[in-house]
């Protein structure tokens, strides 16, 4: 189905994420559901940047009410945003990974054993 107009980057995104979104929208012809995934990707990038800024401002570790050193809560937010961004990039096929050749055997999966060795 042909698209008549190019979707616009959502206004709630940061300036950098809007620019990225516009770039992807101009370069790729995306279906409506892919535009939604692109929006989620840009939101994840923004959330990760917000978390990174908080870590830069406050440090990666904070003292709790007992004086014990604990990871800043936004460390988990940053990690989750990075994972989400990577997965959405892969889902949208923006990472440039070529399609696997169906004639070639699939590579063996790498699994970690319980003790952490391959």
C-alpha atoms as a PDB file:
ATOM      1  CA  UNK A   1       0.000   0.000   0.000  1.00  0.00           C
ATOM      2  CA  UNK A   2       1.530   3.299  -1.068  1.00  0.00           C
ATOM      3  CA  UNK A   3       2.008   5.999   1.492  1.00  0.00           C
ATOM      4  CA  UNK A   4       0.822   9.444   0.403  1.00  0.00           C
ATOM      5  CA  UNK A   5       2.557  11.567   3.033  1.00  0.00           C
ATOM      6  CA  UNK A   6       5.680  11.134   5.080  1.00  0.00           C
ATOM      7  CA  UNK A   7       4.865  10.866   8.801  1.00  0.00           C
ATOM      8  CA  UNK A   8       6.216  13.618  11.017  1.00  0.00           C
ATOM      9  CA  UNK A   9       8.523  13.112  13.965  1.00  0.00           C
ATOM     10  CA  UNK A  10       6.559  13.379  17.229  1.00  0.00           C
ATOM     11  CA  UNK A  11       6.961  16.746  18.959  1.00  0.00           C
ATOM     12  CA  UNK A  12       7.479  15.252  22.423  1.00  0.00           C
ATOM     13  CA  UNK A  13      10.860  13.827  21.370  1.00  0.00           C
ATOM     14  CA  UNK A  14      14.116  15.629  22.058  1.00  0.00           C
ATOM     15  CA  UNK A  15      15.646  17.675  19.262  1.00  0.00           C
ATOM     16  CA  UNK A  16      18.247  14.946  18.594  1.00  0.00           C
ATOM     17  CA  UNK A  17      15.648  12.176  18.529  1.00  0.00           C
ATOM     18  CA  UNK A  18      13.353  14.179  16.254  1.00  0.00           C
ATOM     19  CA  UNK A  19      16.271  14.659  13.855  1.00  0.00           C
ATOM     20  CA  UNK A  20      17.023  10.919  13.971  1.00  0.00           C
ATOM     21  CA  UNK A  21      13.351  10.111  13.433  1.00  0.00           C
ATOM     22  CA  UNK A  22      13.149  12.489  10.446  1.00  0.00           C
ATOM     23  CA  UNK A  23      16.296  10.899   8.995  1.00  0.00           C
ATOM     24  CA  UNK A  24      14.864   7.374   9.256  1.00  0.00           C
ATOM     25  CA  UNK A  25      11.469   8.457   7.919  1.00  0.00           C
ATOM     26  CA  UNK A  26      13.153  10.088   4.913  1.00  0.00           C
ATOM     27  CA  UNK A  27      15.446   7.142   4.228  1.00  0.00           C
ATOM     28  CA  UNK A  28      12.981   4.267   4.699  1.00  0.00           C
ATOM     29  CA  UNK A  29       9.388   3.710   3.689  1.00  0.00           C
ATOM     30  CA  UNK A  30       7.789   2.493   6.889  1.00  0.00           C
ATOM     31  CA  UNK A  31       4.374   1.000   7.493  1.00  0.00           C
ATOM     32  CA  UNK A  32       2.271   2.553  10.241  1.00  0.00           C
ATOM     33  CA  UNK A  33       3.241  -0.091  12.803  1.00  0.00           C
ATOM     34  CA  UNK A  34       6.927   0.504  11.994  1.00  0.00           C
ATOM     35  CA  UNK A  35       6.463   4.239  12.592  1.00  0.00           C
ATOM     36  CA  UNK A  36       5.128   3.337  16.044  1.00  0.00           C
ATOM     37  CA  UNK A  37       8.225   1.189  16.675  1.00  0.00           C
ATOM     38  CA  UNK A  38      10.442   4.051  15.497  1.00  0.00           C
ATOM     39  CA  UNK A  39       8.683   6.362  17.960  1.00  0.00           C
ATOM     40  CA  UNK A  40       9.326   3.833  20.748  1.00  0.00           C
ATOM     41  CA  UNK A  41      12.979   3.640  19.680  1.00  0.00           C
ATOM     42  CA  UNK A  42      13.339   7.420  19.848  1.00  0.00           C
ATOM     43  CA  UNK A  43      11.605   7.517  23.228  1.00  0.00           C
ATOM     44  CA  UNK A  44      14.016   4.849  24.509  1.00  0.00           C
ATOM     45  CA  UNK A  45      16.958   6.908  23.243  1.00  0.00           C
ATOM     46  CA  UNK A  46      15.583   9.974  25.028  1.00  0.00           C
ATOM     47  CA  UNK A  47      14.959   8.036  28.244  1.00  0.00           C
ATOM     48  CA  UNK A  48      18.484   6.644  28.144  1.00  0.00           C
ATOM     49  CA  UNK A  49      19.913  10.134  27.631  1.00  0.00           C
ATOM     50  CA  UNK A  50      17.874  11.485  30.554  1.00  0.00           C
ATOM     51  CA  UNK A  51      19.202   8.684  32.736  1.00  0.00           C
ATOM     52  CA  UNK A  52      22.767   9.291  31.542  1.00  0.00           C
ATOM     53  CA  UNK A  53      22.453  12.970  32.456  1.00  0.00           C
ATOM     54  CA  UNK A  54      21.149  12.089  35.931  1.00  0.00           C
ATOM     55  CA  UNK A  55      24.070   9.700  36.442  1.00  0.00           C
ATOM     56  CA  UNK A  56      26.510  12.378  35.277  1.00  0.00           C
ATOM     57  CA  UNK A  57      24.933  14.862  37.698  1.00  0.00           C
ATOM     58  CA  UNK A  58      24.443  12.598  40.737  1.00  0.00           C
ATOM     59  CA  UNK A  59      26.955   9.801  40.193  1.00  0.00           C
ATOM     60  CA  UNK A  60      26.250   6.151  39.548  1.00  0.00           C
ATOM     61  CA  UNK A  61      26.009   5.356  43.271  1.00  0.00           C
ATOM     62  CA  UNK A  62      24.105   6.954  46.123  1.00  0.00           C
ATOM     63  CA  UNK A  63      24.022   6.383  49.865  1.00  0.00           C
ATOM     64  CA  UNK A  64      20.770   5.002  51.226  1.00  0.00           C
ATOM     65  CA  UNK A  65      19.253   6.053  54.567  1.00  0.00           C
ATOM     66  CA  UNK A  66      21.572   3.625  56.345  1.00  0.00           C
ATOM     67  CA  UNK A  67      24.647   5.056  54.680  1.00  0.00           C
ATOM     68  CA  UNK A  68      25.110   2.040  52.433  1.00  0.00           C
ATOM     69  CA  UNK A  69      26.259   2.641  48.888  1.00  0.00           C
ATOM     70  CA  UNK A  70      23.584   1.629  46.345  1.00  0.00           C
ATOM     71  CA  UNK A  71      23.339   1.935  42.579  1.00  0.00           C
ATOM     72  CA  UNK A  72      21.470   5.039  41.490  1.00  0.00           C
ATOM     73  CA  UNK A  73      17.952   3.971  40.418  1.00  0.00           C
ATOM     74  CA  UNK A  74      18.458   5.493  36.974  1.00  0.00           C
ATOM     75  CA  UNK A  75      21.295   3.055  36.269  1.00  0.00           C
ATOM     76  CA  UNK A  76      18.568   0.447  35.660  1.00  0.00           C
ATOM     77  CA  UNK A  77      16.581   2.929  33.579  1.00  0.00           C
ATOM     78  CA  UNK A  78      19.638   3.590  31.399  1.00  0.00           C
ATOM     79  CA  UNK A  79      20.299  -0.142  30.992  1.00  0.00           C
ATOM     80  CA  UNK A  80      16.681  -0.887  30.110  1.00  0.00           C
ATOM     81  CA  UNK A  81      16.578   1.986  27.612  1.00  0.00           C
ATOM     82  CA  UNK A  82      19.741   0.728  25.918  1.00  0.00           C
ATOM     83  CA  UNK A  83      18.327  -2.783  25.651  1.00  0.00           C
ATOM     84  CA  UNK A  84      15.021  -1.486  24.304  1.00  0.00           C
ATOM     85  CA  UNK A  85      16.785   0.753  21.769  1.00  0.00           C
ATOM     86  CA  UNK A  86      18.972  -2.100  20.565  1.00  0.00           C
ATOM     87  CA  UNK A  87      16.001  -4.444  20.198  1.00  0.00           C
ATOM     88  CA  UNK A  88      13.877  -1.864  18.402  1.00  0.00           C
ATOM     89  CA  UNK A  89      16.780  -1.034  16.069  1.00  0.00           C
ATOM     90  CA  UNK A  90      17.056  -4.715  15.233  1.00  0.00           C
ATOM     91  CA  UNK A  91      13.278  -5.088  14.877  1.00  0.00           C
ATOM     92  CA  UNK A  92      13.189  -2.190  12.411  1.00  0.00           C
ATOM     93  CA  UNK A  93      16.229  -3.661  10.640  1.00  0.00           C
ATOM     94  CA  UNK A  94      18.101  -0.364  10.986  1.00  0.00           C
ATOM     95  CA  UNK A  95      21.313  -2.062  12.058  1.00  0.00           C
ATOM     96  CA  UNK A  96      22.267  -2.968   8.496  1.00  0.00           C
ATOM     97  CA  UNK A  97      22.407  -6.685   9.195  1.00  0.00           C
ATOM     98  CA  UNK A  98      21.928  -8.489   5.881  1.00  0.00           C
ATOM     99  CA  UNK A  99      19.216 -11.070   5.524  1.00  0.00           C
ATOM    100  CA  UNK A 100      20.570 -14.540   6.274  1.00  0.00           C
ATOM    101  CA  UNK A 101      21.117 -16.734   3.245  1.00  0.00           C
ATOM    102  CA  UNK A 102      18.562 -19.558   3.611  1.00  0.00           C
ATOM    103  CA  UNK A 103      20.942 -21.871   1.740  1.00  0.00           C
ATOM    104  CA  UNK A 104      23.578 -21.532   4.467  1.00  0.00           C
ATOM    105  CA  UNK A 105      23.302 -23.440   7.741  1.00  0.00           C
ATOM    106  CA  UNK A 106      22.446 -21.360  10.770  1.00  0.00           C
ATOM    107  CA  UNK A 107      25.381 -20.690  13.081  1.00  0.00           C
ATOM    108  CA  UNK A 108      25.341 -22.507  16.385  1.00  0.00           C
ATOM    109  CA  UNK A 109      23.834 -20.435  19.154  1.00  0.00           C
ATOM    110  CA  UNK A 110      26.111 -19.348  21.942  1.00  0.00           C
ATOM    111  CA  UNK A 111      24.820 -20.349  25.322  1.00  0.00           C
ATOM    112  CA  UNK A 112      26.414 -19.655  28.669  1.00  0.00           C
ATOM    113  CA  UNK A 113      26.550 -22.480  31.143  1.00  0.00           C
ATOM    114  CA  UNK A 114      25.562 -21.985  34.760  1.00  0.00           C
ATOM    115  CA  UNK A 115      29.166 -21.267  35.749  1.00  0.00           C
ATOM    116  CA  UNK A 116      29.503 -18.532  33.111  1.00  0.00           C
ATOM    117  CA  UNK A 117      31.722 -20.392  30.678  1.00  0.00           C
ATOM    118  CA  UNK A 118      30.735 -20.995  27.035  1.00  0.00           C
END
